[in-house]
PDB file of N, CA and C in Angstrom:
ATOM      1  N   LEU A   1       5.934  37.317  25.076  1.00  0.00           N
ATOM      2  CA  LEU A   1       7.797  37.900  25.168  1.00  0.00           C
ATOM      3  C   LEU A   1       7.752  39.222  23.972  1.00  0.00           C
ATOM      4  N   ILE A   2       8.647  40.512  24.515  1.00  0.00           N
ATOM      5  CA  ILE A   2       8.832  41.444  23.891  1.00  0.00           C
ATOM      6  C   ILE A   2      10.323  41.354  23.733  1.00  0.00           C
ATOM      7  N   PHE A   3      10.736  42.329  22.298  1.00  0.00           N
ATOM      8  CA  PHE A   3      11.895  42.933  22.342  1.00  0.00           C
ATOM      9  C   PHE A   3      11.957  43.871  22.543  1.00  0.00           C
ATOM     10  N   PRO A   4      11.815  45.571  23.341  1.00  0.00           N
ATOM     11  CA  PRO A   4      11.443  46.290  23.745  1.00  0.00           C
ATOM     12  C   PRO A   4      12.435  47.219  22.822  1.00  0.00           C
ATOM     13  N   GLU A   5      13.694  46.782  22.352  1.00  0.00           N
ATOM     14  CA  GLU A   5      14.362  47.745  21.648  1.00  0.00           C
ATOM     15  C   GLU A   5      13.912  47.848  20.046  1.00  0.00           C
ATOM     16  N   SER A   6      13.243  46.683  19.722  1.00  0.00           N
ATOM     17  CA  SER A   6      12.511  46.384  18.495  1.00  0.00           C
ATOM     18  C   SER A   6      13.966  46.150  17.410  1.00  0.00           C
ATOM     19  N   THR A   7      14.909  46.039  17.787  1.00  0.00           N
ATOM     20  CA  THR A   7      16.302  45.849  17.242  1.00  0.00           C
ATOM     21  C   THR A   7      16.984  45.073  17.752  1.00  0.00           C
ATOM     22  N   THR A   8      18.144  44.051  17.240  1.00  0.00           N
ATOM     23  CA  THR A   8      19.816  43.781  18.259  1.00  0.00           C
ATOM     24  C   THR A   8      20.423  45.183  18.401  1.00  0.00           C
ATOM     25  N   THR A   9      21.522  44.953  18.974  1.00  0.00           N
ATOM     26  CA  THR A   9      22.216  45.404  19.112  1.00  0.00           C
ATOM     27  C   THR A   9      23.645  44.797  18.596  1.00  0.00           C
ATOM     28  N   THR A  10      25.063  45.575  19.320  1.00  0.00           N
ATOM     29  CA  THR A  10      26.296  45.070  18.922  1.00  0.00           C
ATOM     30  C   THR A  10      26.413  44.419  20.141  1.00  0.00           C
ATOM     31  N   GLY A  11      25.836  44.489  21.053  1.00  0.00           N
ATOM     32  CA  GLY A  11      25.877  44.429  22.586  1.00  0.00           C
ATOM     33  C   GLY A  11      26.954  44.867  23.775  1.00  0.00           C
ATOM     34  N   VAL A  12      27.011  45.629  23.004  1.00  0.00           N
ATOM     35  CA  VAL A  12      28.113  47.253  23.576  1.00  0.00           C
ATOM     36  C   VAL A  12      26.758  47.988  25.077  1.00  0.00           C
ATOM     37  N   SER A  13      26.074  48.088  24.251  1.00  0.00           N
ATOM     38  CA  SER A  13      25.300  49.103  25.095  1.00  0.00           C
ATOM     39  C   SER A  13      23.690  48.921  25.023  1.00  0.00           C
ATOM     40  N   VAL A  14      22.652  48.860  25.664  1.00  0.00           N
ATOM     41  CA  VAL A  14      20.872  48.669  25.185  1.00  0.00           C
ATOM     42  C   VAL A  14      20.499  49.707  24.926  1.00  0.00           C
ATOM     43  N   ARG A  15      19.967  49.938  23.804  1.00  0.00           N
ATOM     44  CA  ARG A  15      18.907  50.964  23.131  1.00  0.00           C
ATOM     45  C   ARG A  15      17.889  51.264  24.075  1.00  0.00           C
ATOM     46  N   PRO A  16      17.128  52.536  24.141  1.00  0.00           N
ATOM     47  CA  PRO A  16      16.320  52.982  24.522  1.00  0.00           C
ATOM     48  C   PRO A  16      15.026  51.888  24.470  1.00  0.00           C
ATOM     49  N   PHE A  17      14.352  51.613  25.084  1.00  0.00           N
ATOM     50  CA  PHE A  17      13.020  50.672  24.820  1.00  0.00           C
ATOM     51  C   PHE A  17      11.474  51.460  24.423  1.00  0.00           C
ATOM     52  N   HIS A  18      10.713  50.995  23.698  1.00  0.00           N
ATOM     53  CA  HIS A  18       9.768  51.531  22.958  1.00  0.00           C
ATOM     54  C   HIS A  18       8.465  51.018  24.375  1.00  0.00           C
ATOM     55  N   PRO A  19       8.209  51.937  25.282  1.00  0.00           N
ATOM     56  CA  PRO A  19       6.716  51.765  26.396  1.00  0.00           C
ATOM     57  C   PRO A  19       6.295  51.473  25.539  1.00  0.00           C
ATOM     58  N   ARG A  20       5.767  51.672  24.030  1.00  0.00           N
ATOM     59  CA  ARG A  20       4.038  51.011  23.883  1.00  0.00           C
ATOM     60  C   ARG A  20       3.573  49.427  23.973  1.00  0.00           C
ATOM     61  N   LEU A  21       5.577  49.094  23.617  1.00  0.00           N
ATOM     62  CA  LEU A  21       5.637  47.461  23.737  1.00  0.00           C
ATOM     63  C   LEU A  21       4.728  47.028  25.146  1.00  0.00           C
ATOM     64  N   PHE A  22       5.022  47.562  26.181  1.00  0.00           N
ATOM     65  CA  PHE A  22       4.802  47.338  28.023  1.00  0.00           C
ATOM     66  C   PHE A  22       3.578  47.149  27.426  1.00  0.00           C
ATOM     67  N   LYS A  23       2.523  48.061  26.671  1.00  0.00           N
ATOM     68  CA  LYS A  23       0.999  47.928  26.605  1.00  0.00           C
ATOM     69  C   LYS A  23       0.576  46.874  27.491  1.00  0.00           C
ATOM     70  N   SER A  24       0.524  45.656  26.640  1.00  0.00           N
ATOM     71  CA  SER A  24      -0.261  44.733  27.128  1.00  0.00           C
ATOM     72  C   SER A  24       0.041  44.193  28.300  1.00  0.00           C
ATOM     73  N   ALA A  25       1.205  44.339  29.100  1.00  0.00           N
ATOM     74  CA  ALA A  25       1.623  44.037  30.226  1.00  0.00           C
ATOM     75  C   ALA A  25       0.596  44.907  31.224  1.00  0.00           C
ATOM     76  N   ILE A  26       0.198  45.682  31.133  1.00  0.00           N
ATOM     77  CA  ILE A  26      -1.011  46.844  31.715  1.00  0.00           C
ATOM     78  C   ILE A  26      -2.238  46.092  31.707  1.00  0.00           C
ATOM     79  N   GLU A  27      -2.452  46.063  30.112  1.00  0.00           N
ATOM     80  CA  GLU A  27      -3.813  45.791  30.221  1.00  0.00           C
ATOM     81  C   GLU A  27      -4.257  44.134  30.743  1.00  0.00           C
ATOM     82  N   SER A  28      -3.098  43.643  30.720  1.00  0.00           N
ATOM     83  CA  SER A  28      -3.394  42.289  31.482  1.00  0.00           C
ATOM     84  C   SER A  28      -3.261  41.787  32.811  1.00  0.00           C
ATOM     85  N   LYS A  29      -2.352  43.090  33.340  1.00  0.00           N
ATOM     86  CA  LYS A  29      -2.222  42.952  34.469  1.00  0.00           C
ATOM     87  C   LYS A  29      -1.204  42.116  34.964  1.00  0.00           C
ATOM     88  N   CYS A  30      -0.306  41.693  34.194  1.00  0.00           N
ATOM     89  CA  CYS A  30       1.029  40.907  34.508  1.00  0.00           C
ATOM     90  C   CYS A  30       2.127  41.759  35.072  1.00  0.00           C
ATOM     91  N   SER A  31       2.550  40.565  35.641  1.00  0.00           N
ATOM     92  CA  SER A  31       4.281  41.273  35.639  1.00  0.00           C
ATOM     93  C   SER A  31       5.450  41.047  34.336  1.00  0.00           C
ATOM     94  N   VAL A  32       5.874  42.115  34.741  1.00  0.00           N
ATOM     95  CA  VAL A  32       7.109  42.020  33.187  1.00  0.00           C
ATOM     96  C   VAL A  32       8.658  41.427  33.906  1.00  0.00           C
ATOM     97  N   ILE A  33       8.652  40.658  33.412  1.00  0.00           N
ATOM     98  CA  ILE A  33      10.233  39.865  34.099  1.00  0.00           C
ATOM     99  C   ILE A  33      11.474  40.679  32.574  1.00  0.00           C
ATOM    100  N   PRO A  34      12.155  41.325  33.148  1.00  0.00           N
ATOM    101  CA  PRO A  34      13.317  41.384  32.151  1.00  0.00           C
ATOM    102  C   PRO A  34      14.410  40.520  31.988  1.00  0.00           C
ATOM    103  N   LEU A  35      14.880  40.320  30.796  1.00  0.00           N
ATOM    104  CA  LEU A  35      15.902  38.711  30.880  1.00  0.00           C
ATOM    105  C   LEU A  35      17.055  40.087  29.408  1.00  0.00           C
ATOM    106  N   LEU A  36      18.229  39.561  30.608  1.00  0.00           N
ATOM    107  CA  LEU A  36      19.584  40.301  29.231  1.00  0.00           C
ATOM    108  C   LEU A  36      19.827  38.626  28.671  1.00  0.00           C
ATOM    109  N   ILE A  37      20.336  39.042  26.322  1.00  0.00           N
ATOM    110  CA  ILE A  37      20.731  38.141  26.432  1.00  0.00           C
ATOM    111  C   ILE A  37      21.720  38.231  25.802  1.00  0.00           C
ATOM    112  N   SER A  38      23.335  38.329  26.263  1.00  0.00           N
ATOM    113  CA  SER A  38      24.496  38.760  25.429  1.00  0.00           C
ATOM    114  C   SER A  38      25.340  37.493  24.756  1.00  0.00           C
ATOM    115  N   TYR A  39      25.581  37.592  23.815  1.00  0.00           N
ATOM    116  CA  TYR A  39      26.459  37.047  23.064  1.00  0.00           C
ATOM    117  C   TYR A  39      27.777  37.368  23.209  1.00  0.00           C
ATOM    118  N   ARG A  40      28.506  36.315  23.715  1.00  0.00           N
ATOM    119  CA  ARG A  40      30.034  36.473  23.726  1.00  0.00           C
ATOM    120  C   ARG A  40      30.947  35.546  23.238  1.00  0.00           C
ATOM    121  N   ASN A  41      32.063  35.887  23.221  1.00  0.00           N
ATOM    122  CA  ASN A  41      33.578  35.405  22.636  1.00  0.00           C
ATOM    123  C   ASN A  41      34.379  34.567  23.966  1.00  0.00           C
ATOM    124  N   LYS A  42      35.033  33.636  23.752  1.00  0.00           N
ATOM    125  CA  LYS A  42      35.814  33.588  24.394  1.00  0.00           C
ATOM    126  C   LYS A  42      36.190  33.870  25.452  1.00  0.00           C
ATOM    127  N   GLN A  43      36.805  35.302  24.949  1.00  0.00           N
ATOM    128  CA  GLN A  43      37.217  35.840  26.210  1.00  0.00           C
ATOM    129  C   GLN A  43      35.918  36.784  26.735  1.00  0.00           C
ATOM    130  N   GLY A  44      35.177  36.918  26.684  1.00  0.00           N
ATOM    131  CA  GLY A  44      34.104  37.340  27.221  1.00  0.00           C
ATOM    132  C   GLY A  44      33.469  38.866  26.332  1.00  0.00           C
ATOM    133  N   GLN A  45      34.173  39.314  25.488  1.00  0.00           N
ATOM    134  CA  GLN A  45      33.919  40.244  24.261  1.00  0.00           C
ATOM    135  C   GLN A  45      32.756  39.806  23.767  1.00  0.00           C
ATOM    136  N   PRO A  46      32.000  41.518  23.599  1.00  0.00           N
ATOM    137  CA  PRO A  46      30.589  41.138  23.316  1.00  0.00           C
ATOM    138  C   PRO A  46      31.003  40.380  21.370  1.00  0.00           C
ATOM    139  N   LEU A  47      29.810  39.756  20.575  1.00  0.00           N
ATOM    140  CA  LEU A  47      30.211  39.510  19.311  1.00  0.00           C
ATOM    141  C   LEU A  47      29.431  40.909  18.771  1.00  0.00           C
ATOM    142  N   LYS A  48      30.116  41.435  18.323  1.00  0.00           N
ATOM    143  CA  LYS A  48      29.604  42.421  17.795  1.00  0.00           C
ATOM    144  C   LYS A  48      29.060  42.184  16.155  1.00  0.00           C
ATOM    145  N   ASP A  49      29.797  41.153  15.635  1.00  0.00           N
ATOM    146  CA  ASP A  49      29.128  40.356  14.244  1.00  0.00           C
ATOM    147  C   ASP A  49      28.733  39.680  13.820  1.00  0.00           C
ATOM    148  N   ILE A  50      27.890  39.970  14.887  1.00  0.00           N
ATOM    149  CA  ILE A  50      26.663  38.822  14.707  1.00  0.00           C
ATOM    150  C   ILE A  50      25.176  39.767  15.348  1.00  0.00           C
ATOM    151  N   ALA A  51      25.550  41.195  15.395  1.00  0.00           N
ATOM    152  CA  ALA A  51      23.959  41.752  15.522  1.00  0.00           C
ATOM    153  C   ALA A  51      23.315  41.603  13.841  1.00  0.00           C
ATOM    154  N   TRP A  52      22.366  41.426  14.465  1.00  0.00           N
ATOM    155  CA  TRP A  52      21.220  42.240  13.179  1.00  0.00           C
ATOM    156  C   TRP A  52      20.335  42.742  13.367  1.00  0.00           C
ATOM    157  N   ASP A  53      21.132  43.854  12.437  1.00  0.00           N
ATOM    158  CA  ASP A  53      20.806  45.366  12.196  1.00  0.00           C
ATOM    159  C   ASP A  53      20.772  46.436  11.214  1.00  0.00           C
ATOM    160  N   ASP A  54      20.972  47.547  11.053  1.00  0.00           N
ATOM    161  CA  ASP A  54      20.417  48.049   9.575  1.00  0.00           C
ATOM    162  C   ASP A  54      21.627  47.372   8.893  1.00  0.00           C
ATOM    163  N   HIS A  55      22.636  47.165   9.226  1.00  0.00           N
ATOM    164  CA  HIS A  55      23.697  47.138   8.638  1.00  0.00           C
ATOM    165  C   HIS A  55      24.393  45.739   7.693  1.00  0.00           C
ATOM    166  N   ASN A  56      23.167  44.634   8.790  1.00  0.00           N
ATOM    167  CA  ASN A  56      23.887  43.259   8.240  1.00  0.00           C
ATOM    168  C   ASN A  56      22.336  42.613   7.824  1.00  0.00           C
ATOM    169  N   HIS A  57      22.363  41.994   6.419  1.00  0.00           N
ATOM    170  CA  HIS A  57      21.087  41.344   6.319  1.00  0.00           C
ATOM    171  C   HIS A  57      20.643  40.337   7.014  1.00  0.00           C
ATOM    172  N   PHE A  58      19.840  40.135   6.975  1.00  0.00           N
ATOM    173  CA  PHE A  58      19.555  38.623   8.332  1.00  0.00           C
ATOM    174  C   PHE A  58      19.960  37.369   7.512  1.00  0.00           C
ATOM    175  N   PHE A  59      20.245  36.987   6.193  1.00  0.00           N
ATOM    176  CA  PHE A  59      20.872  35.875   6.073  1.00  0.00           C
ATOM    177  C   PHE A  59      22.174  35.613   6.417  1.00  0.00           C
ATOM    178  N   THR A  60      23.182  37.326   6.140  1.00  0.00           N
ATOM    179  CA  THR A  60      24.297  37.054   6.295  1.00  0.00           C
ATOM    180  C   THR A  60      24.454  36.868   7.831  1.00  0.00           C
ATOM    181  N   THR A  61      23.569  37.314   8.953  1.00  0.00           N
ATOM    182  CA  THR A  61      23.689  37.418  10.288  1.00  0.00           C
ATOM    183  C   THR A  61      23.382  35.787  10.403  1.00  0.00           C
ATOM    184  N   VAL A  62      22.644  35.158  10.368  1.00  0.00           N
ATOM    185  CA  VAL A  62      22.272  33.719  10.296  1.00  0.00           C
ATOM    186  C   VAL A  62      23.694  32.618  10.195  1.00  0.00           C
ATOM    187  N   TRP A  63      24.630  33.034   8.888  1.00  0.00           N
ATOM    188  CA  TRP A  63      25.574  32.565   8.472  1.00  0.00           C
ATOM    189  C   TRP A  63      26.451  32.792   9.273  1.00  0.00           C
ATOM    190  N   ARG A  64      27.400  33.944   9.752  1.00  0.00           N
ATOM    191  CA  ARG A  64      27.951  34.179  10.663  1.00  0.00           C
ATOM    192  C   ARG A  64      27.600  33.594  12.285  1.00  0.00           C
ATOM    193  N   VAL A  65      26.282  33.268  12.745  1.00  0.00           N
ATOM    194  CA  VAL A  65      26.462  32.707  13.655  1.00  0.00           C
ATOM    195  C   VAL A  65      26.418  31.324  13.848  1.00  0.00           C
ATOM    196  N   LEU A  66      25.869  31.142  12.449  1.00  0.00           N
ATOM    197  CA  LEU A  66      25.925  28.872  12.749  1.00  0.00           C
ATOM    198  C   LEU A  66      27.530  28.731  12.001  1.00  0.00           C
ATOM    199  N   SER A  67      28.556  30.058  11.444  1.00  0.00           N
ATOM    200  CA  SER A  67      29.726  29.356  11.164  1.00  0.00           C
ATOM    201  C   SER A  67      30.806  29.548  12.273  1.00  0.00           C
ATOM    202  N   ARG A  68      30.097  30.321  13.157  1.00  0.00           N
ATOM    203  CA  ARG A  68      30.998  30.530  14.571  1.00  0.00           C
ATOM    204  C   ARG A  68      31.433  29.430  15.243  1.00  0.00           C
ATOM    205  N   PRO A  69      32.749  28.938  15.931  1.00  0.00           N
ATOM    206  CA  PRO A  69      33.091  27.584  16.459  1.00  0.00           C
ATOM    207  C   PRO A  69      32.219  27.759  17.920  1.00  0.00           C
ATOM    208  N   GLU A  70      32.484  28.620  18.116  1.00  0.00           N
ATOM    209  CA  GLU A  70      31.561  28.691  19.496  1.00  0.00           C
ATOM    210  C   GLU A  70      31.163  30.215  19.932  1.00  0.00           C
ATOM    211  N   THR A  71      30.283  30.447  20.173  1.00  0.00           N
ATOM    212  CA  THR A  71      29.293  31.317  21.081  1.00  0.00           C
ATOM    213  C   THR A  71      29.026  30.946  22.333  1.00  0.00           C
ATOM    214  N   ARG A  72      29.393  32.819  23.257  1.00  0.00           N
ATOM    215  CA  ARG A  72      28.713  31.722  24.686  1.00  0.00           C
ATOM    216  C   ARG A  72      27.689  32.729  24.416  1.00  0.00           C
ATOM    217  N   VAL A  73      26.453  32.206  25.344  1.00  0.00           N
ATOM    218  CA  VAL A  73      25.332  32.769  25.693  1.00  0.00           C
ATOM    219  C   VAL A  73      25.106  33.515  27.021  1.00  0.00           C
ATOM    220  N   VAL A  74      25.439  35.065  27.553  1.00  0.00           N
ATOM    221  CA  VAL A  74      24.838  35.090  29.048  1.00  0.00           C
ATOM    222  C   VAL A  74      23.073  35.756  28.831  1.00  0.00           C
ATOM    223  N   VAL A  75      23.016  35.270  30.120  1.00  0.00           N
ATOM    224  CA  VAL A  75      21.409  34.939  30.205  1.00  0.00           C
ATOM    225  C   VAL A  75      20.936  35.805  31.572  1.00  0.00           C
ATOM    226  N   ALA A  76      20.350  36.516  31.546  1.00  0.00           N
ATOM    227  CA  ALA A  76      19.982  36.962  33.110  1.00  0.00           C
ATOM    228  C   ALA A  76      18.915  36.903  33.649  1.00  0.00           C
ATOM    229  N   GLN A  77      18.576  36.456  33.728  1.00  0.00           N
ATOM    230  CA  GLN A  77      16.611  37.386  34.592  1.00  0.00           C
ATOM    231  C   GLN A  77      16.599  38.233  35.471  1.00  0.00           C
ATOM    232  N   PHE A  78      15.842  39.039  35.459  1.00  0.00           N
ATOM    233  CA  PHE A  78      15.620  39.646  36.853  1.00  0.00           C
ATOM    234  C   PHE A  78      13.908  39.477  37.732  1.00  0.00           C
ATOM    235  N   LYS A  79      14.163  40.005  39.035  1.00  0.00           N
ATOM    236  CA  LYS A  79      12.754  39.903  39.298  1.00  0.00           C
ATOM    237  C   LYS A  79      11.679  40.375  39.013  1.00  0.00           C
ATOM    238  N   PRO A  80      10.375  39.598  38.948  1.00  0.00           N
ATOM    239  CA  PRO A  80       9.313  40.756  38.193  1.00  0.00           C
ATOM    240  C   PRO A  80       9.103  42.057  38.895  1.00  0.00           C
ATOM    241  N   ILE A  81       8.667  43.025  37.923  1.00  0.00           N
ATOM    242  CA  ILE A  81       8.624  44.086  38.320  1.00  0.00           C
ATOM    243  C   ILE A  81       6.643  43.867  38.345  1.00  0.00           C
ATOM    244  N   GLN A  82       6.121  43.910  39.383  1.00  0.00           N
ATOM    245  CA  GLN A  82       5.031  44.124  40.155  1.00  0.00           C
ATOM    246  C   GLN A  82       4.430  45.477  40.129  1.00  0.00           C
ATOM    247  N   ASN A  83       3.108  44.783  39.648  1.00  0.00           N
ATOM    248  CA  ASN A  83       1.850  45.814  40.004  1.00  0.00           C
ATOM    249  C   ASN A  83       2.086  46.599  38.693  1.00  0.00           C
ATOM    250  N   SER A  84       2.017  45.917  37.402  1.00  0.00           N
ATOM    251  CA  SER A  84       2.216  46.950  36.242  1.00  0.00           C
ATOM    252  C   SER A  84       0.631  47.090  35.925  1.00  0.00           C
ATOM    253  N   GLN A  85       0.034  47.439  36.686  1.00  0.00           N
ATOM    254  CA  GLN A  85      -1.328  47.415  35.961  1.00  0.00           C
ATOM    255  C   GLN A  85      -1.197  49.444  36.393  1.00  0.00           C
ATOM    256  N   THR A  86      -0.460  49.835  37.551  1.00  0.00           N
ATOM    257  CA  THR A  86      -0.718  50.928  38.039  1.00  0.00           C
ATOM    258  C   THR A  86       1.221  51.611  37.737  1.00  0.00           C
ATOM    259  N   THR A  87       1.407  51.029  36.848  1.00  0.00           N
ATOM    260  CA  THR A  87       2.592  51.572  36.621  1.00  0.00           C
ATOM    261  C   THR A  87       2.176  52.373  35.423  1.00  0.00           C
ATOM    262  N   SER A  88       2.823  52.897  34.378  1.00  0.00           N
ATOM    263  CA  SER A  88       2.596  53.627  33.153  1.00  0.00           C
ATOM    264  C   SER A  88       4.228  52.907  32.012  1.00  0.00           C
ATOM    265  N   ARG A  89       3.364  52.657  31.279  1.00  0.00           N
ATOM    266  CA  ARG A  89       4.339  51.726  30.003  1.00  0.00           C
ATOM    267  C   ARG A  89       5.685  52.725  30.284  1.00  0.00           C
ATOM    268  N   THR A  90       5.777  54.130  30.391  1.00  0.00           N
ATOM    269  CA  THR A  90       6.538  54.700  30.067  1.00  0.00           C
ATOM    270  C   THR A  90       8.167  54.225  31.192  1.00  0.00           C
ATOM    271  N   GLU A  91       7.155  54.521  32.571  1.00  0.00           N
ATOM    272  CA  GLU A  91       7.802  53.640  34.202  1.00  0.00           C
ATOM    273  C   GLU A  91       8.622  52.328  33.530  1.00  0.00           C
ATOM    274  N   LEU A  92       7.946  51.481  33.716  1.00  0.00           N
ATOM    275  CA  LEU A  92       7.999  49.992  33.202  1.00  0.00           C
ATOM    276  C   LEU A  92       9.069  49.956  31.994  1.00  0.00           C
ATOM    277  N   ALA A  93       9.064  50.217  30.577  1.00  0.00           N
ATOM    278  CA  ALA A  93      10.279  51.028  30.492  1.00  0.00           C
ATOM    279  C   ALA A  93      11.201  51.431  30.735  1.00  0.00           C
ATOM    280  N   LYS A  94      11.274  52.195  31.144  1.00  0.00           N
ATOM    281  CA  LYS A  94      12.328  52.716  31.937  1.00  0.00           C
ATOM    282  C   LYS A  94      13.250  52.078  33.046  1.00  0.00           C
ATOM    283  N   THR A  95      12.532  51.210  33.733  1.00  0.00           N
ATOM    284  CA  THR A  95      12.829  50.223  35.172  1.00  0.00           C
ATOM    285  C   THR A  95      13.535  49.009  34.367  1.00  0.00           C
ATOM    286  N   ALA A  96      12.880  48.828  33.113  1.00  0.00           N
ATOM    287  CA  ALA A  96      13.505  47.336  32.753  1.00  0.00           C
ATOM    288  C   ALA A  96      14.481  47.753  31.984  1.00  0.00           C
ATOM    289  N   HIS A  97      14.953  48.698  31.747  1.00  0.00           N
ATOM    290  CA  HIS A  97      15.966  49.267  30.643  1.00  0.00           C
ATOM    291  C   HIS A  97      17.005  49.630  31.464  1.00  0.00           C
ATOM    292  N   LYS A  98      16.891  50.152  32.863  1.00  0.00           N
ATOM    293  CA  LYS A  98      18.098  50.850  33.891  1.00  0.00           C
ATOM    294  C   LYS A  98      18.129  49.317  34.369  1.00  0.00           C
ATOM    295  N   GLU A  99      17.775  47.924  34.558  1.00  0.00           N
ATOM    296  CA  GLU A  99      18.252  46.618  35.207  1.00  0.00           C
ATOM    297  C   GLU A  99      18.809  46.325  34.396  1.00  0.00           C
ATOM    298  N   ILE A 100      18.511  45.876  32.891  1.00  0.00           N
ATOM    299  CA  ILE A 100      19.232  45.427  32.074  1.00  0.00           C
ATOM    300  C   ILE A 100      20.731  46.247  31.408  1.00  0.00           C
ATOM    301  N   GLN A 101      20.731  47.847  31.320  1.00  0.00           N
ATOM    302  CA  GLN A 101      21.791  48.103  31.460  1.00  0.00           C
ATOM    303  C   GLN A 101      22.728  47.736  32.001  1.00  0.00           C
ATOM    304  N   GLN A 102      22.145  48.306  33.488  1.00  0.00           N
ATOM    305  CA  GLN A 102      23.200  47.821  34.945  1.00  0.00           C
ATOM    306  C   GLN A 102      23.760  46.541  35.159  1.00  0.00           C
ATOM    307  N   ALA A 103      23.268  45.665  34.845  1.00  0.00           N
ATOM    308  CA  ALA A 103      23.325  44.077  34.581  1.00  0.00           C
ATOM    309  C   ALA A 103      24.781  44.486  33.409  1.00  0.00           C
ATOM    310  N   LEU A 104      24.458  44.493  32.372  1.00  0.00           N
ATOM    311  CA  LEU A 104      25.318  44.607  30.985  1.00  0.00           C
ATOM    312  C   LEU A 104      27.008  45.094  31.456  1.00  0.00           C
ATOM    313  N   GLN A 105      26.687  46.408  32.475  1.00  0.00           N
ATOM    314  CA  GLN A 105      27.612  47.164  32.824  1.00  0.00           C
ATOM    315  C   GLN A 105      28.802  46.389  33.846  1.00  0.00           C
ATOM    316  N   GLN A 106      27.805  45.386  34.633  1.00  0.00           N
ATOM    317  CA  GLN A 106      28.521  44.757  35.386  1.00  0.00           C
ATOM    318  C   GLN A 106      29.206  43.469  34.524  1.00  0.00           C
ATOM    319  N   ILE A 107      29.129  42.816  33.562  1.00  0.00           N
ATOM    320  CA  ILE A 107      29.661  42.221  32.318  1.00  0.00           C
ATOM    321  C   ILE A 107      30.666  42.543  32.647  1.00  0.00           C
ATOM    322  N   ASP A 108      30.333  43.689  31.357  1.00  0.00           N
ATOM    323  CA  ASP A 108      31.086  43.787  31.250  1.00  0.00           C
ATOM    324  C   ASP A 108      32.359  44.377  31.977  1.00  0.00           C
ATOM    325  N   ASN A 109      31.789  44.613  33.220  1.00  0.00           N
ATOM    326  CA  ASN A 109      33.308  45.294  34.149  1.00  0.00           C
ATOM    327  C   ASN A 109      34.084  43.887  35.001  1.00  0.00           C
ATOM    328  N   GLN A 110      33.421  42.943  34.993  1.00  0.00           N
ATOM    329  CA  GLN A 110      33.769  41.692  35.230  1.00  0.00           C
ATOM    330  C   GLN A 110      35.162  41.356  34.792  1.00  0.00           C
ATOM    331  N   HIS A 111      34.254  41.417  33.059  1.00  0.00           N
ATOM    332  CA  HIS A 111      35.283  41.075  31.929  1.00  0.00           C
ATOM    333  C   HIS A 111      36.202  41.840  31.673  1.00  0.00           C
ATOM    334  N   ASP A 112      36.656  43.143  32.232  1.00  0.00           N
ATOM    335  CA  ASP A 112      38.266  43.963  32.471  1.00  0.00           C
ATOM    336  C   ASP A 112      38.549  43.592  33.615  1.00  0.00           C
ATOM    337  N   THR A 113      38.389  42.724  34.607  1.00  0.00           N
ATOM    338  CA  THR A 113      38.963  42.999  36.064  1.00  0.00           C
ATOM    339  C   THR A 113      39.625  41.427  35.840  1.00  0.00           C
ATOM    340  N   ASN A 114      38.598  40.324  34.636  1.00  0.00           N
ATOM    341  CA  ASN A 114      39.650  39.156  34.582  1.00  0.00           C
ATOM    342  C   ASN A 114      40.306  39.254  33.719  1.00  0.00           C
ATOM    343  N   ARG A 115      41.097  40.317  32.904  1.00  0.00           N
ATOM    344  CA  ARG A 115      42.046  40.261  31.662  1.00  0.00           C
ATOM    345  C   ARG A 115      43.375  39.971  32.435  1.00  0.00           C
TER     346      ARG A 115
END
């Protein structure tokens, strides 16, 4: 399991993936299964205040998560990206990133149309 952004974000966008983190999948000849994890409020909006990033300390983030009355988590699993042994790290990173970014945009678009 890797987090190819190497950090969390506010949930509004997906940062570029670090291709070097896909090296183990290529070397072990394993498929890559992209996952999207998005934290949302009751209204379906991203929970920007619980991101653990450069501006928030770990314990502050944990406190915010634990003190929330409700947090909704959207998890989407995508089809495995096959033949990772013949795909470059950069191609794997771009393919996984594209799928997750598109799914995040769909979630946000569904939220916008449900308002």
